[in-house]
Amino acid sequence: MSEQAEPSKKPVIALLFLLFLEKCRNLSWKVKIIIPAIIIIPVLVFLIIRGMFLSRSPLLIVTDASFKTLYGSERLSKIETRLSNRLFRRVIPVYVDENAWSDQISLAAQDAFQKPLAVLFPYRYMGGGSKYKENNPDTPVYITTGRNQTSRAKEVVSYIRTNIKTDYYRAGLCAALLAGEGNIFFISDESVRHEYREIFIEGLRAQDYTKDPSWVRDFTDFLSASDLTCAVIAGPAGDFFEQRPDTPVILFSWVDPDFTPRSVKVIFDDSPYVLALKEYELFSTAGEESEVFISSVPTVLKDRIEKKDDYKKLESLVKREYQPAQNK
């Protein structure tokens, strides 16, 4: 037996369209004008806004494939969109080879757009930023610098520096909460300046933590440590996560939180994109040489905090500002 064909929906749609036309004939002339206007005006507004958006000079951010992989492509795309919306202009990433020379980096930025609003270079490409400024003196150039990076480019450029004081104070507050009565290790591949050590300790004392932390540069130093209940990691830590999988960690890193072990509870992110997003108004008033200090963006990983009260406390602690006059 042959299957019965389903009735076509086309005649029904055609009939409904004819009924709509019949109704339109009976409408007043005012309504006949309003209905198309309701459709056309939003489209025109969108096109005008879109045209204004595209006509504005973009912000260029020099980066590389390794950063995109580390940060996470989806995460990076979201923050680019947020920054673009706040600036109401395009944000164009300029990808360069990690081993590129300064001239090549400068040329890549020049080829991306002829007259951008400004160009943001990470510290590792400061040479390229200096060369770009030399060739394009009228374009504002910003260098983002992190911990213990004090070198300056020869040309007149602006600096966006990590506010280490606030970061370390907040890390001390959080470490004291996570450590309880145990010991705290601060692991860094570089020697932490005495000034910053004191600020970290101020954070500990503000949470009534009375012990002194251990400052570690060689990751093997923690292997035999007893009663280690929290680690602050601000550099390569070797096989720490394999050797101490259950020790709560506060991590200074750009890495995507999804790539980290569950022992990581708080991440401080001072990537160029985050610093630019926090101080986006800088680029709209760019011109003279300047230097600003911006604290990292901390993320408390809620699903890794067992106690709800601890999560709420950590969320509050990472928002505190360091005030020297009040902490001495």
C-alpha atoms as a PDB file:
ATOM      1  CA  MET A   1       0.000   0.000   0.000  1.00  0.00           C
ATOM      2  CA  SER A   2       1.414   3.370  -0.999  1.00  0.00           C
ATOM      3  CA  GLU A   3       1.952   5.880   1.787  1.00  0.00           C
ATOM      4  CA  GLN A   4      -0.465   8.814   1.882  1.00  0.00           C
ATOM      5  CA  ALA A   5       1.320  12.065   1.116  1.00  0.00           C
ATOM      6  CA  GLU A   6       1.138  14.736   3.755  1.00  0.00           C
ATOM      7  CA  PRO A   7      -0.909  17.775   2.752  1.00  0.00           C
ATOM      8  CA  SER A   8       1.285  20.651   1.596  1.00  0.00           C
ATOM      9  CA  LYS A   9       1.551  23.645   3.882  1.00  0.00           C
ATOM     10  CA  LYS A  10       2.164  26.052   0.991  1.00  0.00           C
ATOM     11  CA  PRO A  11      -1.540  26.686   0.215  1.00  0.00           C
ATOM     12  CA  VAL A  12      -2.132  27.481   3.901  1.00  0.00           C
ATOM     13  CA  ILE A  13       0.723  29.984   3.978  1.00  0.00           C
ATOM     14  CA  ALA A  14      -0.466  31.564   0.740  1.00  0.00           C
ATOM     15  CA  LEU A  15      -3.975  31.870   2.132  1.00  0.00           C
ATOM     16  CA  LEU A  16      -2.714  33.558   5.300  1.00  0.00           C
ATOM     17  CA  PHE A  17      -0.680  35.991   3.214  1.00  0.00           C
ATOM     18  CA  LEU A  18      -3.760  36.885   1.132  1.00  0.00           C
ATOM     19  CA  LEU A  19      -5.776  37.457   4.302  1.00  0.00           C
ATOM     20  CA  PHE A  20      -3.003  39.749   5.581  1.00  0.00           C
ATOM     21  CA  LEU A  21      -3.103  41.787   2.354  1.00  0.00           C
ATOM     22  CA  GLU A  22      -6.902  42.037   2.601  1.00  0.00           C
ATOM     23  CA  LYS A  23      -6.615  43.337   6.142  1.00  0.00           C
ATOM     24  CA  CYS A  24      -4.003  45.881   5.058  1.00  0.00           C
ATOM     25  CA  ARG A  25      -6.429  47.297   2.485  1.00  0.00           C
ATOM     26  CA  ASN A  26      -8.880  48.042   5.255  1.00  0.00           C
ATOM     27  CA  LEU A  27      -6.299  49.790   7.484  1.00  0.00           C
ATOM     28  CA  SER A  28      -6.054  53.555   7.684  1.00  0.00           C
ATOM     29  CA  TRP A  29      -3.220  55.345   5.898  1.00  0.00           C
ATOM     30  CA  LYS A  30      -1.592  56.200   9.239  1.00  0.00           C
ATOM     31  CA  VAL A  31      -1.322  52.552  10.189  1.00  0.00           C
ATOM     32  CA  LYS A  32       0.019  51.711   6.739  1.00  0.00           C
ATOM     33  CA  ILE A  33       2.873  54.177   7.396  1.00  0.00           C
ATOM     34  CA  ILE A  34       3.514  53.104  10.989  1.00  0.00           C
ATOM     35  CA  ILE A  35       3.889  49.370  10.255  1.00  0.00           C
ATOM     36  CA  PRO A  36       6.761  49.777   7.716  1.00  0.00           C
ATOM     37  CA  ALA A  37       8.329  52.416   9.963  1.00  0.00           C
ATOM     38  CA  ILE A  38       8.405  49.997  12.875  1.00  0.00           C
ATOM     39  CA  ILE A  39      10.359  47.597  10.695  1.00  0.00           C
ATOM     40  CA  ILE A  40      12.619  50.039   8.839  1.00  0.00           C
ATOM     41  CA  ILE A  41      13.624  52.496  11.601  1.00  0.00           C
ATOM     42  CA  PRO A  42      15.340  49.946  13.889  1.00  0.00           C
ATOM     43  CA  VAL A  43      17.232  48.608  10.877  1.00  0.00           C
ATOM     44  CA  LEU A  44      18.389  52.107   9.938  1.00  0.00           C
ATOM     45  CA  VAL A  45      19.412  52.859  13.524  1.00  0.00           C
ATOM     46  CA  PHE A  46      21.404  49.624  13.675  1.00  0.00           C
ATOM     47  CA  LEU A  47      23.155  50.407  10.377  1.00  0.00           C
ATOM     48  CA  ILE A  48      24.021  53.944  11.523  1.00  0.00           C
ATOM     49  CA  ILE A  49      25.417  52.733  14.846  1.00  0.00           C
ATOM     50  CA  ARG A  50      27.300  49.953  13.106  1.00  0.00           C
ATOM     51  CA  GLY A  51      28.760  52.439  10.643  1.00  0.00           C
ATOM     52  CA  MET A  52      29.887  54.740  13.466  1.00  0.00           C
ATOM     53  CA  PHE A  53      31.447  51.780  15.290  1.00  0.00           C
ATOM     54  CA  LEU A  54      33.418  50.646  12.229  1.00  0.00           C
ATOM     55  CA  SER A  55      34.508  54.168  11.305  1.00  0.00           C
ATOM     56  CA  ARG A  56      36.287  54.770  14.617  1.00  0.00           C
ATOM     57  CA  SER A  57      39.982  54.007  14.896  1.00  0.00           C
ATOM     58  CA  PRO A  58      40.547  50.632  16.586  1.00  0.00           C
ATOM     59  CA  LEU A  59      42.713  49.728  19.548  1.00  0.00           C
ATOM     60  CA  LEU A  60      45.505  47.333  18.555  1.00  0.00           C
ATOM     61  CA  ILE A  61      46.798  44.764  21.051  1.00  0.00           C
ATOM     62  CA  VAL A  62      50.007  42.953  20.164  1.00  0.00           C
ATOM     63  CA  THR A  63      49.991  39.324  21.288  1.00  0.00           C
ATOM     64  CA  ASP A  64      50.975  35.833  20.169  1.00  0.00           C
ATOM     65  CA  ALA A  65      49.531  32.343  19.739  1.00  0.00           C
ATOM     66  CA  SER A  66      51.011  31.094  23.022  1.00  0.00           C
ATOM     67  CA  PHE A  67      49.092  33.705  24.993  1.00  0.00           C
ATOM     68  CA  LYS A  68      45.861  32.772  23.220  1.00  0.00           C
ATOM     69  CA  THR A  69      46.405  29.103  24.057  1.00  0.00           C
ATOM     70  CA  LEU A  70      47.269  29.848  27.682  1.00  0.00           C
ATOM     71  CA  TYR A  71      44.428  32.289  28.212  1.00  0.00           C
ATOM     72  CA  GLY A  72      41.835  30.230  26.353  1.00  0.00           C
ATOM     73  CA  SER A  73      40.427  31.300  22.982  1.00  0.00           C
ATOM     74  CA  GLU A  74      36.814  31.505  24.186  1.00  0.00           C
ATOM     75  CA  ARG A  75      37.813  33.473  27.281  1.00  0.00           C
ATOM     76  CA  LEU A  76      39.946  35.802  25.166  1.00  0.00           C
ATOM     77  CA  SER A  77      37.114  36.366  22.693  1.00  0.00           C
ATOM     78  CA  LYS A  78      34.762  37.384  25.506  1.00  0.00           C
ATOM     79  CA  ILE A  79      37.149  39.901  26.987  1.00  0.00           C
ATOM     80  CA  GLU A  80      37.896  41.371  23.533  1.00  0.00           C
ATOM     81  CA  THR A  81      34.154  41.857  23.026  1.00  0.00           C
ATOM     82  CA  ARG A  82      33.750  43.513  26.444  1.00  0.00           C
ATOM     83  CA  LEU A  83      36.654  45.866  25.806  1.00  0.00           C
ATOM     84  CA  SER A  84      35.366  46.661  22.334  1.00  0.00           C
ATOM     85  CA  ASN A  85      31.896  47.489  23.685  1.00  0.00           C
ATOM     86  CA  ARG A  86      33.276  49.771  26.388  1.00  0.00           C
ATOM     87  CA  LEU A  87      35.469  51.639  23.945  1.00  0.00           C
ATOM     88  CA  PHE A  88      32.755  51.559  21.264  1.00  0.00           C
ATOM     89  CA  ARG A  89      35.344  50.686  18.671  1.00  0.00           C
ATOM     90  CA  ARG A  90      37.060  47.583  17.352  1.00  0.00           C
ATOM     91  CA  VAL A  91      39.798  45.828  19.280  1.00  0.00           C
ATOM     92  CA  ILE A  92      42.168  44.155  16.838  1.00  0.00           C
ATOM     93  CA  PRO A  93      44.685  41.568  18.091  1.00  0.00           C
ATOM     94  CA  VAL A  94      47.998  41.660  16.231  1.00  0.00           C
ATOM     95  CA  TYR A  95      49.566  38.209  16.360  1.00  0.00           C
ATOM     96  CA  VAL A  96      53.345  38.073  16.094  1.00  0.00           C
ATOM     97  CA  ASP A  97      55.897  35.289  16.283  1.00  0.00           C
ATOM     98  CA  GLU A  98      57.370  34.892  19.759  1.00  0.00           C
ATOM     99  CA  ASN A  99      60.878  35.088  18.312  1.00  0.00           C
ATOM    100  CA  ALA A 100      60.171  38.053  16.035  1.00  0.00           C
ATOM    101  CA  TRP A 101      62.619  40.968  16.017  1.00  0.00           C
ATOM    102  CA  SER A 102      61.597  44.433  17.129  1.00  0.00           C
ATOM    103  CA  ASP A 103      61.380  45.668  13.524  1.00  0.00           C
ATOM    104  CA  GLN A 104      59.095  42.774  12.583  1.00  0.00           C
ATOM    105  CA  ILE A 105      56.809  43.402  15.569  1.00  0.00           C
ATOM    106  CA  SER A 106      56.615  47.102  14.752  1.00  0.00           C
ATOM    107  CA  LEU A 107      55.855  46.361  11.103  1.00  0.00           C
ATOM    108  CA  ALA A 108      53.097  43.894  12.041  1.00  0.00           C
ATOM    109  CA  ALA A 109      51.374  46.585  14.109  1.00  0.00           C
ATOM    110  CA  GLN A 110      51.750  49.134  11.302  1.00  0.00           C
ATOM    111  CA  ASP A 111      50.268  46.743   8.751  1.00  0.00           C
ATOM    112  CA  ALA A 112      47.268  45.930  10.988  1.00  0.00           C
ATOM    113  CA  PHE A 113      45.914  49.491  10.801  1.00  0.00           C
ATOM    114  CA  GLN A 114      47.450  52.734   9.644  1.00  0.00           C
ATOM    115  CA  LYS A 115      46.117  55.166  12.267  1.00  0.00           C
ATOM    116  CA  PRO A 116      44.826  53.282  15.326  1.00  0.00           C
ATOM    117  CA  LEU A 117      43.568  54.868  18.520  1.00  0.00           C
ATOM    118  CA  ALA A 118      46.546  53.368  20.383  1.00  0.00           C
ATOM    119  CA  VAL A 119      48.705  50.254  20.400  1.00  0.00           C
ATOM    120  CA  LEU A 120      49.167  48.056  23.464  1.00  0.00           C
ATOM    121  CA  PHE A 121      52.364  46.003  23.729  1.00  0.00           C
ATOM    122  CA  PRO A 122      53.064  43.442  26.472  1.00  0.00           C
ATOM    123  CA  TYR A 123      56.355  43.903  28.285  1.00  0.00           C
ATOM    124  CA  ARG A 124      58.050  41.036  26.436  1.00  0.00           C
ATOM    125  CA  TYR A 125      57.593  43.006  23.179  1.00  0.00           C
ATOM    126  CA  MET A 126      58.711  46.338  24.605  1.00  0.00           C
ATOM    127  CA  GLY A 127      61.429  46.562  21.962  1.00  0.00           C
ATOM    128  CA  GLY A 128      58.780  46.348  19.246  1.00  0.00           C
ATOM    129  CA  GLY A 129      56.698  48.981  21.036  1.00  0.00           C
ATOM    130  CA  SER A 130      59.695  51.297  21.241  1.00  0.00           C
ATOM    131  CA  LYS A 131      60.410  50.813  17.537  1.00  0.00           C
ATOM    132  CA  TYR A 132      56.755  51.384  16.630  1.00  0.00           C
ATOM    133  CA  LYS A 133      56.707  54.653  18.605  1.00  0.00           C
ATOM    134  CA  GLU A 134      59.867  55.764  16.848  1.00  0.00           C
ATOM    135  CA  ASN A 135      58.199  55.214  13.463  1.00  0.00           C
ATOM    136  CA  ASN A 136      54.766  56.493  14.523  1.00  0.00           C
ATOM    137  CA  PRO A 137      55.337  59.331  17.006  1.00  0.00           C
ATOM    138  CA  ASP A 138      51.715  60.549  16.839  1.00  0.00           C
ATOM    139  CA  THR A 139      50.183  57.225  17.889  1.00  0.00           C
ATOM    140  CA  PRO A 140      49.939  56.555  21.654  1.00  0.00           C
ATOM    141  CA  VAL A 141      51.836  53.429  22.692  1.00  0.00           C
ATOM    142  CA  TYR A 142      51.238  51.556  25.950  1.00  0.00           C
ATOM    143  CA  ILE A 143      53.477  48.939  27.556  1.00  0.00           C
ATOM    144  CA  THR A 144      51.891  46.614  30.125  1.00  0.00           C
ATOM    145  CA  THR A 145      54.326  45.514  32.815  1.00  0.00           C
ATOM    146  CA  GLY A 146      53.904  43.031  35.635  1.00  0.00           C
ATOM    147  CA  ARG A 147      55.841  42.061  38.744  1.00  0.00           C
ATOM    148  CA  ASN A 148      59.484  43.163  39.093  1.00  0.00           C
ATOM    149  CA  GLN A 149      59.610  44.681  35.605  1.00  0.00           C
ATOM    150  CA  THR A 150      61.121  48.155  35.836  1.00  0.00           C
ATOM    151  CA  SER A 151      62.904  48.748  32.506  1.00  0.00           C
ATOM    152  CA  ARG A 152      61.719  51.639  30.393  1.00  0.00           C
ATOM    153  CA  ALA A 153      61.646  52.073  26.650  1.00  0.00           C
ATOM    154  CA  LYS A 154      63.797  54.870  25.209  1.00  0.00           C
ATOM    155  CA  GLU A 155      60.942  56.494  23.312  1.00  0.00           C
ATOM    156  CA  VAL A 156      58.094  58.344  24.997  1.00  0.00           C
ATOM    157  CA  VAL A 157      55.527  55.654  25.728  1.00  0.00           C
ATOM    158  CA  SER A 158      52.939  55.139  28.462  1.00  0.00           C
ATOM    159  CA  TYR A 159      53.035  52.355  31.023  1.00  0.00           C
ATOM    160  CA  ILE A 160      50.266  50.277  32.541  1.00  0.00           C
ATOM    161  CA  ARG A 161      51.841  48.595  35.539  1.00  0.00           C
ATOM    162  CA  THR A 162      50.486  45.904  37.828  1.00  0.00           C
ATOM    163  CA  ASN A 163      49.604  47.266  41.262  1.00  0.00           C
ATOM    164  CA  ILE A 164      51.727  44.736  43.121  1.00  0.00           C
ATOM    165  CA  LYS A 165      51.052  46.270  46.525  1.00  0.00           C
ATOM    166  CA  THR A 166      47.295  45.720  46.318  1.00  0.00           C
ATOM    167  CA  ASP A 167      47.779  42.261  44.762  1.00  0.00           C
ATOM    168  CA  TYR A 168      50.107  41.060  47.512  1.00  0.00           C
ATOM    169  CA  TYR A 169      47.949  42.509  50.263  1.00  0.00           C
ATOM    170  CA  ARG A 170      44.890  40.710  48.903  1.00  0.00           C
ATOM    171  CA  ALA A 171      46.883  37.509  48.483  1.00  0.00           C
ATOM    172  CA  GLY A 172      47.948  37.746  52.133  1.00  0.00           C
ATOM    173  CA  LEU A 173      44.344  38.164  53.263  1.00  0.00           C
ATOM    174  CA  CYS A 174      43.261  35.112  51.265  1.00  0.00           C
ATOM    175  CA  ALA A 175      46.265  32.983  52.249  1.00  0.00           C
ATOM    176  CA  ALA A 176      45.572  33.537  55.946  1.00  0.00           C
ATOM    177  CA  LEU A 177      42.001  32.317  55.503  1.00  0.00           C
ATOM    178  CA  LEU A 178      42.995  29.247  53.504  1.00  0.00           C
ATOM    179  CA  ALA A 179      45.946  28.312  55.720  1.00  0.00           C
ATOM    180  CA  GLY A 180      44.179  28.304  59.058  1.00  0.00           C
ATOM    181  CA  GLU A 181      46.823  27.396  61.671  1.00  0.00           C
ATOM    182  CA  GLY A 182      49.213  25.847  59.142  1.00  0.00           C
ATOM    183  CA  ASN A 183      52.249  27.164  57.281  1.00  0.00           C
ATOM    184  CA  ILE A 184      52.269  29.356  54.184  1.00  0.00           C
ATOM    185  CA  PHE A 185      54.825  29.210  51.378  1.00  0.00           C
ATOM    186  CA  PHE A 186      55.251  32.040  48.868  1.00  0.00           C
ATOM    187  CA  ILE A 187      56.856  30.502  45.769  1.00  0.00           C
ATOM    188  CA  SER A 188      58.375  32.814  43.155  1.00  0.00           C
ATOM    189  CA  ASP A 189      61.067  32.391  40.516  1.00  0.00           C
ATOM    190  CA  GLU A 190      62.315  35.881  41.360  1.00  0.00           C
ATOM    191  CA  SER A 191      63.349  37.403  44.653  1.00  0.00           C
ATOM    192  CA  VAL A 192      60.394  39.259  46.149  1.00  0.00           C
ATOM    193  CA  ARG A 193      61.345  42.774  47.224  1.00  0.00           C
ATOM    194  CA  HIS A 194      61.339  43.430  50.972  1.00  0.00           C
ATOM    195  CA  GLU A 195      58.653  46.092  50.538  1.00  0.00           C
ATOM    196  CA  TYR A 196      56.251  43.615  48.930  1.00  0.00           C
ATOM    197  CA  ARG A 197      57.019  40.936  51.503  1.00  0.00           C
ATOM    198  CA  GLU A 198      55.999  43.330  54.237  1.00  0.00           C
ATOM    199  CA  ILE A 199      52.743  44.138  52.449  1.00  0.00           C
ATOM    200  CA  PHE A 200      51.932  40.435  52.029  1.00  0.00           C
ATOM    201  CA  ILE A 201      52.558  39.960  55.754  1.00  0.00           C
ATOM    202  CA  GLU A 202      50.295  42.937  56.499  1.00  0.00           C
ATOM    203  CA  GLY A 203      47.526  41.028  54.746  1.00  0.00           C
ATOM    204  CA  LEU A 204      48.249  37.976  56.892  1.00  0.00           C
ATOM    205  CA  ARG A 205      48.208  39.998  60.092  1.00  0.00           C
ATOM    206  CA  ALA A 206      44.944  41.694  59.118  1.00  0.00           C
ATOM    207  CA  GLN A 207      43.398  38.195  59.277  1.00  0.00           C
ATOM    208  CA  ASP A 208      45.079  37.437  62.628  1.00  0.00           C
ATOM    209  CA  TYR A 209      47.609  35.041  61.116  1.00  0.00           C
ATOM    210  CA  THR A 210      50.656  35.292  63.399  1.00  0.00           C
ATOM    211  CA  LYS A 211      53.239  33.038  61.730  1.00  0.00           C
ATOM    212  CA  ASP A 212      55.803  34.205  59.192  1.00  0.00           C
ATOM    213  CA  PRO A 213      55.517  32.804  55.664  1.00  0.00           C
ATOM    214  CA  SER A 214      58.392  30.978  53.952  1.00  0.00           C
ATOM    215  CA  TRP A 215      59.803  32.665  50.819  1.00  0.00           C
ATOM    216  CA  VAL A 216      60.838  29.993  48.312  1.00  0.00           C
ATOM    217  CA  ARG A 217      62.605  30.235  44.941  1.00  0.00           C
ATOM    218  CA  ASP A 218      63.695  26.613  44.519  1.00  0.00           C
ATOM    219  CA  PHE A 219      60.559  24.459  44.196  1.00  0.00           C
ATOM    220  CA  THR A 220      62.307  21.516  45.890  1.00  0.00           C
ATOM    221  CA  ASP A 221      62.318  23.439  49.176  1.00  0.00           C
ATOM    222  CA  PHE A 222      58.666  22.667  49.848  1.00  0.00           C
ATOM    223  CA  LEU A 223      58.897  18.922  49.350  1.00  0.00           C
ATOM    224  CA  SER A 224      59.923  18.216  52.941  1.00  0.00           C
ATOM    225  CA  ALA A 225      57.880  21.024  54.504  1.00  0.00           C
ATOM    226  CA  SER A 226      55.565  19.887  57.267  1.00  0.00           C
ATOM    227  CA  ASP A 227      52.110  21.273  57.919  1.00  0.00           C
ATOM    228  CA  LEU A 228      52.022  23.229  54.650  1.00  0.00           C
ATOM    229  CA  THR A 229      48.394  24.325  54.316  1.00  0.00           C
ATOM    230  CA  CYS A 230      48.567  27.086  51.691  1.00  0.00           C
ATOM    231  CA  ALA A 231      50.911  28.125  48.885  1.00  0.00           C
ATOM    232  CA  VAL A 232      51.046  31.361  46.941  1.00  0.00           C
ATOM    233  CA  ILE A 233      52.634  30.744  43.541  1.00  0.00           C
ATOM    234  CA  ALA A 234      53.943  33.680  41.506  1.00  0.00           C
ATOM    235  CA  GLY A 235      56.199  31.791  39.114  1.00  0.00           C
ATOM    236  CA  PRO A 236      57.100  28.308  37.851  1.00  0.00           C
ATOM    237  CA  ALA A 237      56.663  25.811  40.683  1.00  0.00           C
ATOM    238  CA  GLY A 238      58.056  22.645  39.145  1.00  0.00           C
ATOM    239  CA  ASP A 239      56.077  19.576  40.164  1.00  0.00           C
ATOM    240  CA  PHE A 240      54.394  21.255  43.124  1.00  0.00           C
ATOM    241  CA  PHE A 241      50.908  20.201  42.042  1.00  0.00           C
ATOM    242  CA  GLU A 242      52.023  16.573  41.711  1.00  0.00           C
ATOM    243  CA  GLN A 243      53.832  16.571  45.050  1.00  0.00           C
ATOM    244  CA  ARG A 244      51.201  18.590  46.946  1.00  0.00           C
ATOM    245  CA  PRO A 245      47.887  17.902  45.175  1.00  0.00           C
ATOM    246  CA  ASP A 246      45.737  18.754  48.200  1.00  0.00           C
ATOM    247  CA  THR A 247      47.423  21.997  49.288  1.00  0.00           C
ATOM    248  CA  PRO A 248      45.238  25.076  48.585  1.00  0.00           C
ATOM    249  CA  VAL A 249      46.945  27.390  46.118  1.00  0.00           C
ATOM    250  CA  ILE A 250      46.665  31.101  45.312  1.00  0.00           C
ATOM    251  CA  LEU A 251      48.029  31.484  41.782  1.00  0.00           C
ATOM    252  CA  PHE A 252      49.342  34.569  39.980  1.00  0.00           C
ATOM    253  CA  SER A 253      48.838  33.598  36.351  1.00  0.00           C
ATOM    254  CA  TRP A 254      47.107  34.375  33.043  1.00  0.00           C
ATOM    255  CA  VAL A 255      46.166  30.736  32.567  1.00  0.00           C
ATOM    256  CA  ASP A 256      42.550  29.768  31.971  1.00  0.00           C
ATOM    257  CA  PRO A 257      41.137  28.553  35.323  1.00  0.00           C
ATOM    258  CA  ASP A 258      39.794  25.448  33.563  1.00  0.00           C
ATOM    259  CA  PHE A 259      43.391  24.398  32.859  1.00  0.00           C
ATOM    260  CA  THR A 260      44.412  24.464  36.521  1.00  0.00           C
ATOM    261  CA  PRO A 261      44.212  21.696  39.172  1.00  0.00           C
ATOM    262  CA  ARG A 262      41.353  21.828  41.649  1.00  0.00           C
ATOM    263  CA  SER A 263      43.784  22.749  44.424  1.00  0.00           C
ATOM    264  CA  VAL A 264      43.955  26.238  42.896  1.00  0.00           C
ATOM    265  CA  LYS A 265      41.375  28.292  44.790  1.00  0.00           C
ATOM    266  CA  VAL A 266      42.128  31.883  43.744  1.00  0.00           C
ATOM    267  CA  ILE A 267      43.753  33.244  40.578  1.00  0.00           C
ATOM    268  CA  PHE A 268      45.159  36.761  40.154  1.00  0.00           C
ATOM    269  CA  ASP A 269      45.147  37.742  36.468  1.00  0.00           C
ATOM    270  CA  ASP A 270      47.169  40.767  35.279  1.00  0.00           C
ATOM    271  CA  SER A 271      47.169  39.955  31.568  1.00  0.00           C
ATOM    272  CA  PRO A 272      47.356  42.905  29.118  1.00  0.00           C
ATOM    273  CA  TYR A 273      43.708  42.448  28.126  1.00  0.00           C
ATOM    274  CA  VAL A 274      42.507  42.558  31.736  1.00  0.00           C
ATOM    275  CA  LEU A 275      44.563  45.648  32.560  1.00  0.00           C
ATOM    276  CA  ALA A 276      43.275  47.352  29.426  1.00  0.00           C
ATOM    277  CA  LEU A 277      39.683  46.476  30.299  1.00  0.00           C
ATOM    278  CA  LYS A 278      39.997  47.862  33.835  1.00  0.00           C
ATOM    279  CA  GLU A 279      41.443  51.166  32.608  1.00  0.00           C
ATOM    280  CA  TYR A 280      39.818  51.428  29.171  1.00  0.00           C
ATOM    281  CA  GLU A 281      39.225  55.188  29.533  1.00  0.00           C
ATOM    282  CA  LEU A 282      42.993  55.675  29.248  1.00  0.00           C
ATOM    283  CA  PHE A 283      42.884  55.044  25.532  1.00  0.00           C
ATOM    284  CA  SER A 284      40.222  57.669  24.885  1.00  0.00           C
ATOM    285  CA  THR A 285      42.373  60.351  26.525  1.00  0.00           C
ATOM    286  CA  ALA A 286      45.702  59.109  25.226  1.00  0.00           C
ATOM    287  CA  GLY A 287      48.342  61.606  24.267  1.00  0.00           C
ATOM    288  CA  GLU A 288      50.988  62.424  26.837  1.00  0.00           C
ATOM    289  CA  GLU A 289      53.358  59.994  28.476  1.00  0.00           C
ATOM    290  CA  SER A 290      51.756  58.504  31.564  1.00  0.00           C
ATOM    291  CA  GLU A 291      52.083  55.714  34.089  1.00  0.00           C
ATOM    292  CA  VAL A 292      49.196  54.043  35.900  1.00  0.00           C
ATOM    293  CA  PHE A 293      49.055  51.190  38.390  1.00  0.00           C
ATOM    294  CA  ILE A 294      46.196  48.695  38.084  1.00  0.00           C
ATOM    295  CA  SER A 295      45.529  45.749  40.363  1.00  0.00           C
ATOM    296  CA  SER A 296      45.022  42.273  38.933  1.00  0.00           C
ATOM    297  CA  VAL A 297      41.587  40.796  38.454  1.00  0.00           C
ATOM    298  CA  PRO A 298      41.136  38.061  41.087  1.00  0.00           C
ATOM    299  CA  THR A 299      38.884  35.075  40.500  1.00  0.00           C
ATOM    300  CA  VAL A 300      37.680  32.962  43.414  1.00  0.00           C
ATOM    301  CA  LEU A 301      36.840  29.525  42.036  1.00  0.00           C
ATOM    302  CA  LYS A 302      33.514  28.888  43.739  1.00  0.00           C
ATOM    303  CA  ASP A 303      33.177  25.212  42.842  1.00  0.00           C
ATOM    304  CA  ARG A 304      36.535  24.508  44.552  1.00  0.00           C
ATOM    305  CA  ILE A 305      35.684  26.151  47.889  1.00  0.00           C
ATOM    306  CA  GLU A 306      34.068  23.589  50.175  1.00  0.00           C
ATOM    307  CA  LYS A 307      32.542  25.971  52.711  1.00  0.00           C
ATOM    308  CA  LYS A 308      30.038  28.538  51.485  1.00  0.00           C
ATOM    309  CA  ASP A 309      31.074  31.001  54.200  1.00  0.00           C
ATOM    310  CA  ASP A 310      34.723  30.745  53.113  1.00  0.00           C
ATOM    311  CA  TYR A 311      33.748  31.537  49.537  1.00  0.00           C
ATOM    312  CA  LYS A 312      31.847  34.644  50.647  1.00  0.00           C
ATOM    313  CA  LYS A 313      34.792  35.772  52.777  1.00  0.00           C
ATOM    314  CA  LEU A 314      37.263  35.269  49.933  1.00  0.00           C
ATOM    315  CA  GLU A 315      35.017  37.204  47.559  1.00  0.00           C
ATOM    316  CA  SER A 316      35.056  40.076  50.054  1.00  0.00           C
ATOM    317  CA  LEU A 317      38.798  39.904  50.722  1.00  0.00           C
ATOM    318  CA  VAL A 318      39.853  40.094  47.059  1.00  0.00           C
ATOM    319  CA  LYS A 319      37.991  43.407  46.720  1.00  0.00           C
ATOM    320  CA  ARG A 320      39.861  45.184  49.501  1.00  0.00           C
ATOM    321  CA  GLU A 321      42.229  47.974  48.545  1.00  0.00           C
ATOM    322  CA  TYR A 322      45.644  48.388  50.079  1.00  0.00           C
ATOM    323  CA  GLN A 323      45.798  51.602  52.096  1.00  0.00           C
ATOM    324  CA  PRO A 324      49.323  52.162  53.511  1.00  0.00           C
ATOM    325  CA  ALA A 325      48.251  54.867  55.960  1.00  0.00           C
ATOM    326  CA  GLN A 326      45.677  52.560  57.522  1.00  0.00           C
ATOM    327  CA  ASN A 327      47.887  49.470  57.709  1.00  0.00           C
ATOM    328  CA  LYS A 328      50.874  50.883  59.529  1.00  0.00           C
END
